[in-house]
Protein backbone atom coordinates (compact mmCIF):
# COMPACT_ATOMS: atom_id res chain seq x y z
CA UNK A 1 25.24 5.66 2.56
CA UNK A 2 22.28 3.36 2.00
CA UNK A 3 21.95 -0.07 0.30
CA UNK A 4 18.31 0.64 -0.56
CA UNK A 5 17.81 -0.07 -4.29
CA UNK A 6 14.13 0.95 -4.42
CA UNK A 7 13.11 3.18 -7.26
CA UNK A 8 11.07 5.34 -4.91
CA UNK A 9 11.81 6.46 -1.36
CA UNK A 10 9.45 5.02 1.25
CA UNK A 11 8.10 7.08 4.01
CA UNK A 12 6.83 5.58 7.27
CA UNK A 13 3.11 6.17 7.47
CA UNK A 14 0.21 4.81 9.38
CA UNK A 15 -3.04 5.21 7.50
CA UNK A 16 -6.12 3.11 7.56
CA UNK A 17 -7.11 1.26 4.39
CA UNK A 18 -9.77 -1.04 2.79
CA UNK A 19 -8.77 -3.63 0.34
CA UNK A 20 -10.42 -5.92 -2.17
CA UNK A 21 -8.61 -8.92 -3.64
CA UNK A 22 -9.59 -9.97 -7.19
CA UNK A 23 -8.49 -12.66 -9.55
CA UNK A 24 -7.32 -11.67 -13.03
CA UNK A 25 -10.92 -11.92 -14.37
CA UNK A 26 -11.85 -9.18 -11.68
CA UNK A 27 -13.92 -11.60 -9.57
CA UNK A 28 -13.82 -10.56 -5.89
CA UNK A 29 -11.99 -13.16 -3.79
CA UNK A 30 -12.06 -11.28 -0.40
CA UNK A 31 -12.31 -7.89 1.23
CA UNK A 32 -10.76 -6.48 4.44
CA UNK A 33 -9.15 -3.72 6.38
CA UNK A 34 -5.71 -2.87 7.35
CA UNK A 35 -3.18 -0.01 7.71
CA UNK A 36 -0.12 1.31 5.81
CA UNK A 37 3.29 0.87 7.32
CA UNK A 38 5.09 2.75 4.60
CA UNK A 39 4.24 4.47 1.40
CA UNK A 40 6.05 5.53 -1.75
CA UNK A 41 4.85 6.68 -5.20
CA UNK A 42 5.43 3.21 -6.47
CA UNK A 43 3.78 1.10 -3.70
CA UNK A 44 3.05 0.39 -0.05
CA UNK A 45 3.85 -1.99 2.70
CA UNK A 46 0.59 -2.78 4.53
CA UNK A 47 -0.49 -4.71 7.58
CA UNK A 48 -3.59 -6.89 7.85
CA UNK A 49 -5.17 -9.48 10.23
CA UNK A 50 -5.53 -11.89 7.34
CA UNK A 51 -3.30 -13.24 4.64
CA UNK A 52 -3.23 -11.40 1.44
CA UNK A 53 -2.51 -14.04 -1.32
CA UNK A 54 0.23 -12.84 -3.76
CA UNK A 55 -1.50 -14.39 -6.78
CA UNK A 56 -4.27 -11.74 -6.80
CA UNK A 57 -4.74 -8.15 -7.81
CA UNK A 58 -5.78 -5.69 -5.11
CA UNK A 59 -7.87 -2.54 -5.00
CA UNK A 60 -7.01 -0.15 -2.20
CA UNK A 61 -8.80 2.80 -0.69
CA UNK A 62 -6.39 4.66 1.55
CA UNK A 63 -7.15 7.54 3.81
CA UNK A 64 -4.46 10.25 3.58
CA UNK A 65 -5.40 13.08 5.91
CA UNK A 66 -8.71 14.40 4.62
CA UNK A 67 -8.41 12.63 1.27
CA UNK A 68 -9.17 9.00 0.16
CA UNK A 69 -7.06 7.67 -2.70
CA UNK A 70 -8.20 4.71 -4.66
CA UNK A 71 -5.37 2.52 -6.13
CA UNK A 72 -4.82 -0.67 -7.94
CA UNK A 73 -1.89 -2.96 -7.48
CA UNK A 74 -0.18 -6.35 -7.49
CA UNK A 75 0.39 -8.17 -4.27
CA UNK A 76 4.18 -8.85 -4.52
CA UNK A 77 4.58 -10.85 -1.22
CA UNK A 78 2.78 -11.52 2.11
CA UNK A 79 4.58 -12.68 5.25
CA UNK A 80 3.29 -13.55 8.61
CA UNK A 81 4.60 -11.59 11.59
CA UNK A 82 5.52 -13.85 14.37
CA UNK A 83 5.45 -11.13 17.20
CA UNK A 84 1.72 -10.11 16.77
CA UNK A 85 0.11 -12.59 14.44
CA UNK A 86 -0.48 -10.12 11.61
CA UNK A 87 0.55 -10.17 8.05
CA UNK A 88 2.64 -7.70 6.07
CA UNK A 89 2.16 -7.41 2.32
CA UNK A 90 4.18 -5.53 -0.28
CA UNK A 91 1.98 -3.94 -2.90
CA UNK A 92 3.19 -2.46 -6.19
CA UNK A 93 0.87 0.13 -7.72
CA UNK A 94 -0.59 -0.38 -11.21
CA UNK A 95 -2.49 1.97 -13.57
CA UNK A 96 -1.79 5.27 -11.73
CA UNK A 97 -3.48 8.32 -13.17
CA UNK A 98 -1.39 11.64 -13.32
CA UNK A 99 -3.66 13.06 -10.61
CA UNK A 100 -3.10 10.11 -8.31
CA UNK A 101 0.66 10.17 -8.83
CA UNK A 102 0.59 13.94 -8.07
CA UNK A 103 -1.38 13.38 -4.84
CA UNK A 104 0.92 10.63 -3.62
CA UNK A 105 3.93 12.77 -4.43
CA UNK A 106 2.42 15.70 -2.38
CA UNK A 107 1.59 13.38 0.51
CA UNK A 108 5.06 11.84 0.62
CA UNK A 109 6.73 15.35 0.41
CA UNK A 110 4.43 16.74 3.12
CA UNK A 111 4.97 13.67 5.38
CA UNK A 112 8.85 13.88 4.85
CA UNK A 113 9.01 17.50 5.65
CA UNK A 114 6.90 16.92 8.81
CA UNK A 115 9.42 14.39 10.05
CA UNK A 116 12.24 16.95 10.26
């Protein structure tokens, strides 16, 4: 039995990503690269070399196998990792289209099946 109360199951996944942080007027604050740590249909946990401030919106382009998915989200939190001087940020997806949701679901199911 698990104590995980998340709405969506998270799958461990390492994928490269580009991100753009924006204020609520859609002005670009910063850009960078990182990687996913885990993915669900509702959000991701990502790792970056720089802080990702939680007061901003984020645009992500994530490479899943041969596809690149563009996503929008809110930065829920960012914490510095003591071990390797990186940052981990929790992102909640916003404004998902039906086709993006379908693609995320297919990826999560395929990755889950490959783990067994």
